[in-house]
Amino acid sequence: QVQLVESGGGLVQPGGSLTLSCAASGSSFSSMAWYRQASGKQRELVASVTSAGSTNYADSVKGRFTISGDNAKNTVSLQMNNLKSEDTAVYYCYVIAVIRDMGFQFWGQGTQVTVSS
């Protein structure tokens, strides 16, 4: 059974930094990512990383956020720097688990990030 445990959310002032972490278990994973959903808005991709190390970022976070994955530990982290009020959202860990040569999507429970003075 695939399980995701997220940590690292909280309240931070504009310009500050936070690191989100997600530990996955129960399978191998071909891709791991972070999504976010602000109040009243659709969930959007923030950043993703494949098991091969390829990364992808939303334009709004390029240069400020860094995603990193550890295949051996099945963890993915999101280092967020120079945070802005518009980064306020619930952040979700997302993985594609490889089970019997097929990919299955799983979501974490979400962690709140609030950027405010």
N, C-alpha and C. Protein backbone atom coordinates (compact mmCIF):
# COMPACT_ATOMS: atom_id res chain seq x y z
N GLN A 1 0.85 -1.19 0.00
CA GLN A 1 0.00 0.00 0.00
C GLN A 1 0.89 1.24 0.00
N VAL A 2 0.62 2.15 -0.92
CA VAL A 2 1.42 3.36 -1.02
C VAL A 2 0.97 4.36 0.04
N GLN A 3 1.95 4.90 0.73
CA GLN A 3 1.66 5.93 1.74
C GLN A 3 2.59 7.12 1.50
N LEU A 4 2.05 8.31 1.70
CA LEU A 4 2.81 9.55 1.57
C LEU A 4 2.69 10.33 2.86
N VAL A 5 3.82 10.79 3.37
CA VAL A 5 3.84 11.59 4.60
C VAL A 5 4.53 12.91 4.29
N GLU A 6 3.78 13.98 4.41
CA GLU A 6 4.28 15.31 4.11
C GLU A 6 4.64 16.04 5.41
N SER A 7 5.60 16.96 5.28
CA SER A 7 5.96 17.78 6.43
C SER A 7 6.56 19.08 5.93
N GLY A 8 6.59 20.08 6.81
CA GLY A 8 7.33 21.29 6.51
C GLY A 8 6.52 22.54 6.24
N GLY A 9 5.22 22.44 6.21
CA GLY A 9 4.43 23.65 5.96
C GLY A 9 4.45 24.58 7.16
N GLY A 10 3.86 25.77 6.97
CA GLY A 10 3.77 26.70 8.08
C GLY A 10 3.57 28.11 7.63
N LEU A 11 3.80 29.03 8.56
CA LEU A 11 3.65 30.46 8.31
C LEU A 11 5.02 31.09 8.16
N VAL A 12 5.18 31.89 7.11
CA VAL A 12 6.46 32.53 6.87
C VAL A 12 6.20 33.93 6.33
N GLN A 13 7.11 34.83 6.60
CA GLN A 13 6.98 36.19 6.10
C GLN A 13 7.39 36.27 4.64
N PRO A 14 6.89 37.24 3.91
CA PRO A 14 7.33 37.44 2.53
C PRO A 14 8.85 37.58 2.46
N GLY A 15 9.42 36.91 1.48
CA GLY A 15 10.87 36.89 1.34
C GLY A 15 11.54 35.77 2.09
N GLY A 16 10.78 35.06 2.90
CA GLY A 16 11.34 33.97 3.68
C GLY A 16 11.43 32.67 2.92
N SER A 17 11.85 31.63 3.62
CA SER A 17 12.05 30.32 3.01
C SER A 17 11.37 29.22 3.82
N LEU A 18 10.99 28.18 3.13
CA LEU A 18 10.46 26.97 3.74
C LEU A 18 10.88 25.79 2.90
N THR A 19 10.98 24.64 3.55
CA THR A 19 11.26 23.40 2.83
C THR A 19 10.15 22.41 3.13
N LEU A 20 9.53 21.89 2.09
CA LEU A 20 8.55 20.84 2.22
C LEU A 20 9.20 19.50 1.92
N SER A 21 8.79 18.48 2.65
CA SER A 21 9.32 17.14 2.42
C SER A 21 8.18 16.14 2.33
N CYS A 22 8.40 15.13 1.52
CA CYS A 22 7.41 14.06 1.36
C CYS A 22 8.15 12.74 1.33
N ALA A 23 7.75 11.84 2.22
CA ALA A 23 8.33 10.50 2.25
C ALA A 23 7.29 9.52 1.74
N ALA A 24 7.67 8.77 0.72
CA ALA A 24 6.77 7.81 0.11
C ALA A 24 7.22 6.39 0.43
N SER A 25 6.28 5.49 0.55
CA SER A 25 6.61 4.10 0.82
C SER A 25 5.60 3.19 0.14
N GLY A 26 6.00 1.93 -0.04
CA GLY A 26 5.07 0.95 -0.57
C GLY A 26 5.25 0.60 -2.02
N SER A 27 6.19 1.27 -2.70
CA SER A 27 6.38 1.00 -4.12
C SER A 27 7.64 1.71 -4.60
N SER A 28 7.95 1.50 -5.86
CA SER A 28 8.93 2.37 -6.50
C SER A 28 8.14 3.45 -7.24
N PHE A 29 8.82 4.53 -7.57
CA PHE A 29 8.11 5.68 -8.10
C PHE A 29 8.82 6.21 -9.34
N SER A 30 8.06 6.46 -10.37
CA SER A 30 8.66 6.97 -11.60
C SER A 30 8.72 8.48 -11.62
N SER A 31 7.87 9.11 -10.83
CA SER A 31 7.83 10.56 -10.81
C SER A 31 7.25 11.02 -9.48
N MET A 32 7.77 12.15 -9.01
CA MET A 32 7.27 12.75 -7.78
C MET A 32 7.12 14.25 -8.03
N ALA A 33 6.16 14.85 -7.39
CA ALA A 33 5.89 16.26 -7.68
C ALA A 33 5.22 16.93 -6.49
N TRP A 34 5.17 18.23 -6.58
CA TRP A 34 4.41 19.05 -5.66
C TRP A 34 3.39 19.85 -6.45
N TYR A 35 2.16 19.82 -5.99
CA TYR A 35 1.09 20.66 -6.52
C TYR A 35 0.65 21.60 -5.40
N ARG A 36 -0.08 22.62 -5.78
CA ARG A 36 -0.66 23.50 -4.76
C ARG A 36 -2.04 23.96 -5.20
N GLN A 37 -2.82 24.29 -4.19
CA GLN A 37 -4.17 24.79 -4.45
C GLN A 37 -4.46 25.94 -3.50
N ALA A 38 -4.58 27.11 -4.08
CA ALA A 38 -4.95 28.28 -3.30
C ALA A 38 -6.46 28.34 -3.16
N SER A 39 -6.91 29.04 -2.16
CA SER A 39 -8.34 29.14 -1.90
C SER A 39 -9.07 29.70 -3.13
N GLY A 40 -10.07 28.98 -3.58
CA GLY A 40 -10.86 29.43 -4.71
C GLY A 40 -10.24 29.21 -6.07
N LYS A 41 -9.11 28.53 -6.10
CA LYS A 41 -8.41 28.30 -7.37
C LYS A 41 -8.23 26.81 -7.62
N GLN A 42 -7.90 26.49 -8.87
CA GLN A 42 -7.65 25.10 -9.23
C GLN A 42 -6.28 24.65 -8.75
N ARG A 43 -6.16 23.37 -8.53
CA ARG A 43 -4.86 22.80 -8.16
C ARG A 43 -3.92 22.94 -9.36
N GLU A 44 -2.68 23.31 -9.08
CA GLU A 44 -1.71 23.50 -10.15
C GLU A 44 -0.38 22.84 -9.82
N LEU A 45 0.32 22.44 -10.86
CA LEU A 45 1.64 21.86 -10.68
C LEU A 45 2.63 22.94 -10.28
N VAL A 46 3.41 22.66 -9.26
CA VAL A 46 4.48 23.57 -8.83
C VAL A 46 5.81 23.11 -9.43
N ALA A 47 6.13 21.84 -9.19
CA ALA A 47 7.40 21.30 -9.69
C ALA A 47 7.32 19.78 -9.67
N SER A 48 8.09 19.16 -10.57
CA SER A 48 8.11 17.70 -10.62
C SER A 48 9.53 17.23 -10.89
N VAL A 49 9.78 15.98 -10.51
CA VAL A 49 11.08 15.36 -10.77
C VAL A 49 10.84 13.90 -11.10
N THR A 50 11.52 13.42 -12.13
CA THR A 50 11.40 12.00 -12.49
C THR A 50 12.48 11.20 -11.79
N SER A 51 12.36 9.89 -11.86
CA SER A 51 13.37 9.02 -11.26
C SER A 51 14.71 9.18 -11.95
N ALA A 52 14.70 9.70 -13.18
CA ALA A 52 15.94 9.95 -13.92
C ALA A 52 16.55 11.30 -13.58
N GLY A 53 15.82 12.09 -12.79
CA GLY A 53 16.36 13.38 -12.36
C GLY A 53 15.91 14.58 -13.16
N SER A 54 15.03 14.39 -14.13
CA SER A 54 14.53 15.52 -14.92
C SER A 54 13.53 16.31 -14.09
N THR A 55 13.66 17.61 -14.14
CA THR A 55 12.78 18.47 -13.35
C THR A 55 11.97 19.40 -14.24
N ASN A 56 10.86 19.84 -13.69
CA ASN A 56 9.99 20.76 -14.39
C ASN A 56 9.38 21.71 -13.36
N TYR A 57 9.29 22.99 -13.71
CA TYR A 57 8.78 23.99 -12.77
C TYR A 57 7.70 24.84 -13.41
N ALA A 58 6.77 25.26 -12.60
CA ALA A 58 5.83 26.28 -13.04
C ALA A 58 6.59 27.58 -13.24
N ASP A 59 6.20 28.37 -14.22
CA ASP A 59 6.89 29.63 -14.49
C ASP A 59 6.91 30.53 -13.27
N SER A 60 5.86 30.49 -12.48
CA SER A 60 5.74 31.39 -11.34
C SER A 60 6.75 31.11 -10.23
N VAL A 61 7.36 29.93 -10.25
CA VAL A 61 8.29 29.58 -9.17
C VAL A 61 9.73 29.39 -9.66
N LYS A 62 9.93 29.47 -10.96
CA LYS A 62 11.29 29.27 -11.49
C LYS A 62 12.24 30.29 -10.88
N GLY A 63 13.40 29.78 -10.47
CA GLY A 63 14.40 30.66 -9.86
C GLY A 63 14.22 30.85 -8.38
N ARG A 64 13.08 30.43 -7.84
CA ARG A 64 12.82 30.57 -6.41
C ARG A 64 12.69 29.22 -5.71
N PHE A 65 12.12 28.25 -6.39
CA PHE A 65 11.89 26.93 -5.80
C PHE A 65 12.82 25.91 -6.43
N THR A 66 13.21 24.93 -5.63
CA THR A 66 14.03 23.83 -6.12
C THR A 66 13.47 22.52 -5.63
N ILE A 67 13.20 21.61 -6.57
CA ILE A 67 12.71 20.29 -6.20
C ILE A 67 13.87 19.30 -6.28
N SER A 68 13.89 18.38 -5.35
CA SER A 68 14.92 17.34 -5.36
C SER A 68 14.31 16.02 -4.90
N GLY A 69 14.72 14.97 -5.58
CA GLY A 69 14.22 13.65 -5.25
C GLY A 69 15.35 12.72 -4.87
N ASP A 70 15.07 11.79 -3.99
CA ASP A 70 16.05 10.78 -3.58
C ASP A 70 15.43 9.42 -3.85
N ASN A 71 15.90 8.76 -4.91
CA ASN A 71 15.32 7.48 -5.30
C ASN A 71 15.54 6.41 -4.24
N ALA A 72 16.68 6.44 -3.59
CA ALA A 72 16.99 5.41 -2.60
C ALA A 72 16.06 5.51 -1.39
N LYS A 73 15.72 6.73 -1.02
CA LYS A 73 14.89 6.95 0.16
C LYS A 73 13.43 7.18 -0.19
N ASN A 74 13.14 7.31 -1.49
CA ASN A 74 11.77 7.62 -1.93
C ASN A 74 11.24 8.89 -1.27
N THR A 75 12.05 9.91 -1.32
CA THR A 75 11.62 11.19 -0.76
C THR A 75 11.73 12.27 -1.82
N VAL A 76 10.92 13.29 -1.66
CA VAL A 76 10.99 14.46 -2.52
C VAL A 76 10.86 15.69 -1.65
N SER A 77 11.70 16.67 -1.93
CA SER A 77 11.69 17.90 -1.16
C SER A 77 11.48 19.09 -2.08
N LEU A 78 10.93 20.13 -1.52
CA LEU A 78 10.73 21.37 -2.26
C LEU A 78 11.28 22.51 -1.41
N GLN A 79 12.41 23.05 -1.87
CA GLN A 79 13.01 24.19 -1.19
C GLN A 79 12.39 25.44 -1.80
N MET A 80 11.75 26.24 -0.96
CA MET A 80 11.05 27.43 -1.43
C MET A 80 11.72 28.67 -0.84
N ASN A 81 12.27 29.50 -1.71
CA ASN A 81 12.94 30.72 -1.29
C ASN A 81 12.19 31.94 -1.82
N ASN A 82 12.47 33.07 -1.20
CA ASN A 82 11.85 34.33 -1.63
C ASN A 82 10.34 34.17 -1.79
N LEU A 83 9.73 33.66 -0.77
CA LEU A 83 8.30 33.37 -0.84
C LEU A 83 7.48 34.66 -0.94
N LYS A 84 6.39 34.56 -1.69
CA LYS A 84 5.50 35.69 -1.91
C LYS A 84 4.11 35.34 -1.39
N SER A 85 3.31 36.35 -1.18
CA SER A 85 1.97 36.11 -0.67
C SER A 85 1.17 35.21 -1.61
N GLU A 86 1.45 35.32 -2.90
CA GLU A 86 0.72 34.50 -3.86
C GLU A 86 1.13 33.02 -3.83
N ASP A 87 2.15 32.70 -3.05
CA ASP A 87 2.53 31.30 -2.86
C ASP A 87 1.68 30.63 -1.78
N THR A 88 0.88 31.41 -1.09
CA THR A 88 0.01 30.85 -0.06
C THR A 88 -0.96 29.85 -0.67
N ALA A 89 -0.95 28.64 -0.13
CA ALA A 89 -1.78 27.57 -0.67
C ALA A 89 -1.60 26.32 0.18
N VAL A 90 -2.43 25.34 -0.10
CA VAL A 90 -2.18 24.00 0.42
C VAL A 90 -1.33 23.27 -0.62
N TYR A 91 -0.22 22.73 -0.16
CA TYR A 91 0.71 22.04 -1.05
C TYR A 91 0.55 20.54 -0.88
N TYR A 92 0.47 19.85 -2.02
CA TYR A 92 0.23 18.42 -2.04
C TYR A 92 1.39 17.68 -2.70
N CYS A 93 1.83 16.64 -2.05
CA CYS A 93 2.78 15.72 -2.66
C CYS A 93 2.02 14.79 -3.60
N TYR A 94 2.61 14.52 -4.74
CA TYR A 94 1.98 13.68 -5.76
C TYR A 94 3.04 12.73 -6.31
N VAL A 95 2.68 11.45 -6.42
CA VAL A 95 3.63 10.48 -6.97
C VAL A 95 2.95 9.58 -7.99
N ILE A 96 3.75 9.06 -8.87
CA ILE A 96 3.29 8.00 -9.75
C ILE A 96 4.04 6.74 -9.33
N ALA A 97 3.30 5.81 -8.75
CA ALA A 97 3.87 4.56 -8.27
C ALA A 97 3.83 3.53 -9.39
N VAL A 98 4.92 2.78 -9.49
CA VAL A 98 4.99 1.72 -10.50
C VAL A 98 4.60 0.41 -9.82
N ILE A 99 3.47 -0.12 -10.22
CA ILE A 99 2.95 -1.36 -9.64
C ILE A 99 2.60 -2.30 -10.78
N ARG A 100 3.27 -3.44 -10.81
CA ARG A 100 3.06 -4.42 -11.88
C ARG A 100 3.20 -3.76 -13.24
N ASP A 101 4.23 -2.96 -13.39
CA ASP A 101 4.58 -2.28 -14.64
C ASP A 101 3.54 -1.26 -15.09
N MET A 102 2.68 -0.86 -14.20
CA MET A 102 1.70 0.18 -14.52
C MET A 102 1.87 1.33 -13.55
N GLY A 103 1.50 2.53 -13.99
CA GLY A 103 1.62 3.70 -13.15
C GLY A 103 0.31 4.06 -12.48
N PHE A 104 0.39 4.35 -11.19
CA PHE A 104 -0.80 4.73 -10.43
C PHE A 104 -0.51 6.03 -9.68
N GLN A 105 -1.47 6.92 -9.66
CA GLN A 105 -1.29 8.22 -9.02
C GLN A 105 -1.74 8.18 -7.57
N PHE A 106 -0.96 8.84 -6.73
CA PHE A 106 -1.30 8.96 -5.31
C PHE A 106 -1.04 10.40 -4.86
N TRP A 107 -1.88 10.85 -3.94
CA TRP A 107 -1.76 12.21 -3.40
C TRP A 107 -1.53 12.16 -1.89
N GLY A 108 -0.73 13.11 -1.41
CA GLY A 108 -0.60 13.29 0.02
C GLY A 108 -1.79 14.04 0.57
N GLN A 109 -1.81 14.22 1.89
CA GLN A 109 -2.95 14.85 2.54
C GLN A 109 -2.92 16.37 2.44
N GLY A 110 -1.79 16.92 2.07
CA GLY A 110 -1.67 18.37 1.92
C GLY A 110 -1.09 19.03 3.16
N THR A 111 -0.32 20.08 2.93
CA THR A 111 0.25 20.84 4.03
C THR A 111 0.11 22.33 3.69
N GLN A 112 -0.33 23.11 4.67
CA GLN A 112 -0.61 24.51 4.44
C GLN A 112 0.66 25.34 4.48
N VAL A 113 0.82 26.19 3.48
CA VAL A 113 1.88 27.19 3.45
C VAL A 113 1.21 28.56 3.39
N THR A 114 1.51 29.38 4.36
CA THR A 114 0.95 30.73 4.43
C THR A 114 2.08 31.74 4.44
N VAL A 115 2.05 32.65 3.48
CA VAL A 115 3.07 33.69 3.39
C VAL A 115 2.40 35.02 3.72
N SER A 116 2.76 35.54 4.87
CA SER A 116 2.09 36.76 5.34
C SER A 116 2.97 37.47 6.36
N SER A 117 2.86 38.79 6.38
CA SER A 117 3.57 39.57 7.38
C SER A 117 2.68 39.82 8.59
